[in-house]
Amino acid sequence: MNNTFIEKYFYSLKNTDLSQMTEHSLRPVLHELLKNIAENVNKEIKILHEPKRNRYGFGSPDFQILTDASVIGYLENKKIDEDLQKTLKSEQIKKYQQLSHNILVTNYLHWIWLKDNEVVENVELAKITDLRKKNFKPSDEKFKNIVKIIENFFSQT
């Protein structure tokens, strides 16, 4: 897979007024990135944004990743300036880990993959300050690392 999808995603982040951005502002761009990567991993993968709240009180992660056969995992999306290390310790994530052993957490720039309650991968596309730099572009390696963490997350059964 080339970097087209992830580069488009990055430039959408870069061209957004961060002072006006909320947790939900770029969800359509994130959803599109997830769909494009999923298609390359397994055409049967479905990305459900804002799934129905869990009846057992475990909450409702922002995205549910599934096939007809089963739920692959959940993705929780946070505001771009949110500290994901704090998020990982939250009651919210603890509840989600009761829903699935496969959780991906992102603030658009930083991605942390949890499997069986352990951090498996932790990658960063860029720092929030990099988005303000006129000519900044992440390295190809950083683009590839983001794609890889998502592909690995999607490949779980």
Protein backbone atom coordinates (compact mmCIF):
# COMPACT_ATOMS: atom_id res chain seq x y z
CA MET A 1 0.00 0.00 0.00
CA ASN A 2 1.32 3.44 -0.82
CA ASN A 3 1.09 6.36 1.59
CA THR A 4 -1.71 8.19 -0.25
CA PHE A 5 -4.43 7.57 2.36
CA ILE A 6 -2.29 8.42 5.35
CA GLU A 7 -0.84 11.52 3.67
CA LYS A 8 -4.34 12.76 2.82
CA TYR A 9 -5.29 12.14 6.45
CA PHE A 10 -2.25 14.07 7.70
CA TYR A 11 -2.91 17.07 5.46
CA SER A 12 -6.52 17.16 6.63
CA LEU A 13 -5.19 17.45 10.19
CA LYS A 14 -2.62 20.05 9.18
CA ASN A 15 -5.20 22.21 7.38
CA THR A 16 -7.63 22.30 10.30
CA ASP A 17 -7.80 25.24 12.68
CA LEU A 18 -6.70 23.51 15.88
CA SER A 19 -8.17 26.21 18.09
CA GLN A 20 -11.64 25.32 16.78
CA MET A 21 -11.16 21.56 16.74
CA THR A 22 -13.09 19.17 19.00
CA GLU A 23 -12.77 15.42 19.51
CA HIS A 24 -15.36 14.97 16.73
CA SER A 25 -14.06 17.50 14.18
CA LEU A 26 -12.04 15.09 12.08
CA ARG A 27 -13.96 11.88 12.69
CA PRO A 28 -15.03 11.71 9.02
CA VAL A 29 -11.36 11.91 7.95
CA LEU A 30 -10.40 9.26 10.52
CA HIS A 31 -13.29 7.04 9.41
CA GLU A 32 -12.16 7.33 5.79
CA LEU A 33 -8.58 6.39 6.71
CA LEU A 34 -9.81 3.35 8.65
CA LYS A 35 -12.04 2.23 5.77
CA ASN A 36 -9.23 2.53 3.22
CA ILE A 37 -6.78 0.56 5.33
CA ALA A 38 -9.41 -2.05 6.22
CA GLU A 39 -10.11 -2.64 2.55
CA ASN A 40 -6.45 -3.56 2.05
CA VAL A 41 -6.44 -5.93 5.04
CA ASN A 42 -9.77 -7.71 4.59
CA LYS A 43 -12.65 -6.55 2.40
CA GLU A 44 -15.11 -8.06 4.91
CA ILE A 45 -14.11 -5.61 7.66
CA LYS A 46 -16.78 -3.07 8.55
CA ILE A 47 -16.15 0.14 10.46
CA LEU A 48 -19.14 1.20 12.56
CA HIS A 49 -18.97 4.77 13.85
CA GLU A 50 -20.79 5.40 17.15
CA PRO A 51 -22.07 1.85 17.73
CA LYS A 52 -25.02 1.23 20.00
CA ARG A 53 -24.22 1.51 23.71
CA ASN A 54 -23.31 -1.80 25.32
CA ARG A 55 -26.18 -3.20 27.38
CA TYR A 56 -23.86 -4.31 30.19
CA GLY A 57 -22.77 -0.77 31.02
CA PHE A 58 -19.32 -0.96 29.43
CA GLY A 59 -19.95 2.15 27.37
CA SER A 60 -19.75 2.82 23.68
CA PRO A 61 -16.34 3.25 22.02
CA ASP A 62 -16.25 5.62 19.06
CA PHE A 63 -15.71 2.91 16.45
CA GLN A 64 -16.50 -0.79 16.37
CA ILE A 65 -14.46 -2.88 13.94
CA LEU A 66 -16.17 -6.10 12.84
CA THR A 67 -16.81 -8.71 10.21
CA ASP A 68 -19.99 -10.71 9.74
CA ALA A 69 -18.41 -13.39 11.93
CA SER A 70 -17.27 -11.35 14.92
CA VAL A 71 -16.14 -8.10 16.52
CA ILE A 72 -12.44 -7.49 15.83
CA GLY A 73 -12.07 -4.67 18.33
CA TYR A 74 -12.84 -1.07 19.22
CA LEU A 75 -11.21 2.27 18.50
CA GLU A 76 -11.47 5.17 20.92
CA ASN A 77 -10.79 8.62 19.49
CA LYS A 78 -9.78 11.54 21.70
CA LYS A 79 -9.22 15.26 21.18
CA ILE A 80 -5.98 16.05 19.33
CA ASP A 81 -4.28 17.56 22.39
CA GLU A 82 -5.38 14.86 24.86
CA ASP A 83 -2.67 12.93 26.70
CA LEU A 84 -3.26 9.30 25.75
CA GLN A 85 -1.16 8.03 28.66
CA LYS A 86 -3.81 9.46 31.00
CA THR A 87 -6.56 8.06 28.80
CA LEU A 88 -5.10 4.55 29.10
CA LYS A 89 -5.52 4.72 32.89
CA SER A 90 -9.13 5.91 32.71
CA GLU A 91 -12.20 4.00 33.82
CA GLN A 92 -13.51 4.39 30.28
CA ILE A 93 -10.67 2.32 28.79
CA LYS A 94 -10.93 -0.24 31.59
CA LYS A 95 -14.60 -0.72 30.68
CA TYR A 96 -13.77 -1.05 26.99
CA GLN A 97 -11.21 -3.72 27.80
CA GLN A 98 -14.10 -5.76 29.20
CA LEU A 99 -15.77 -5.50 25.78
CA SER A 100 -12.73 -6.63 23.80
CA HIS A 101 -9.12 -7.70 24.17
CA ASN A 102 -8.29 -5.54 21.11
CA ILE A 103 -8.46 -1.74 21.57
CA LEU A 104 -6.89 1.06 19.54
CA VAL A 105 -6.73 4.55 21.09
CA THR A 106 -5.84 7.68 19.13
CA ASN A 107 -5.86 11.45 19.39
CA TYR A 108 -5.37 11.66 15.60
CA LEU A 109 -1.58 12.01 15.94
CA HIS A 110 -0.66 9.42 18.56
CA TRP A 111 -1.84 5.80 18.31
CA ILE A 112 -1.70 3.17 21.05
CA TRP A 113 -2.76 -0.42 20.45
CA LEU A 114 -3.84 -2.48 23.48
CA LYS A 115 -4.12 -6.24 23.24
CA ASP A 116 -5.02 -8.33 26.28
CA ASN A 117 -4.72 -5.18 28.46
CA GLU A 118 -1.09 -4.57 27.41
CA VAL A 119 0.37 -1.89 25.14
CA VAL A 120 1.51 -3.74 22.02
CA GLU A 121 2.41 -0.77 19.82
CA ASN A 122 2.73 2.94 20.47
CA VAL A 123 3.40 5.22 17.49
CA GLU A 124 3.21 8.90 16.75
CA LEU A 125 2.64 10.52 13.37
CA ALA A 126 3.67 14.00 14.50
CA LYS A 127 3.56 16.35 17.46
CA ILE A 128 0.77 18.88 17.67
CA THR A 129 3.37 21.66 17.31
CA ASP A 130 4.48 20.12 14.00
CA LEU A 131 1.06 20.84 12.53
CA ARG A 132 1.76 24.56 12.87
CA LYS A 133 5.02 24.35 10.91
CA LYS A 134 4.38 25.48 7.36
CA ASN A 135 6.45 22.90 5.47
CA PHE A 136 6.39 20.04 7.96
CA LYS A 137 5.72 16.55 6.64
CA PRO A 138 6.25 13.34 8.64
CA SER A 139 8.82 10.88 7.37
CA ASP A 140 7.71 7.96 5.22
CA GLU A 141 8.61 5.72 8.15
CA LYS A 142 6.12 7.53 10.40
CA PHE A 143 3.39 7.21 7.77
CA LYS A 144 4.16 3.50 7.42
CA ASN A 145 4.14 3.00 11.19
CA ILE A 146 0.61 4.43 11.47
CA VAL A 147 -0.64 2.23 8.64
CA LYS A 148 1.09 -0.79 10.20
CA ILE A 149 -0.45 -0.32 13.66
CA ILE A 150 -3.93 -0.05 12.12
CA GLU A 151 -3.35 -3.07 9.88
CA ASN A 152 -2.10 -5.11 12.84
CA PHE A 153 -5.10 -4.06 14.92
CA PHE A 154 -7.46 -5.06 12.07
CA SER A 155 -5.72 -8.42 11.65
CA GLN A 156 -6.73 -9.71 15.09
CA THR A 157 -9.43 -12.34 15.47
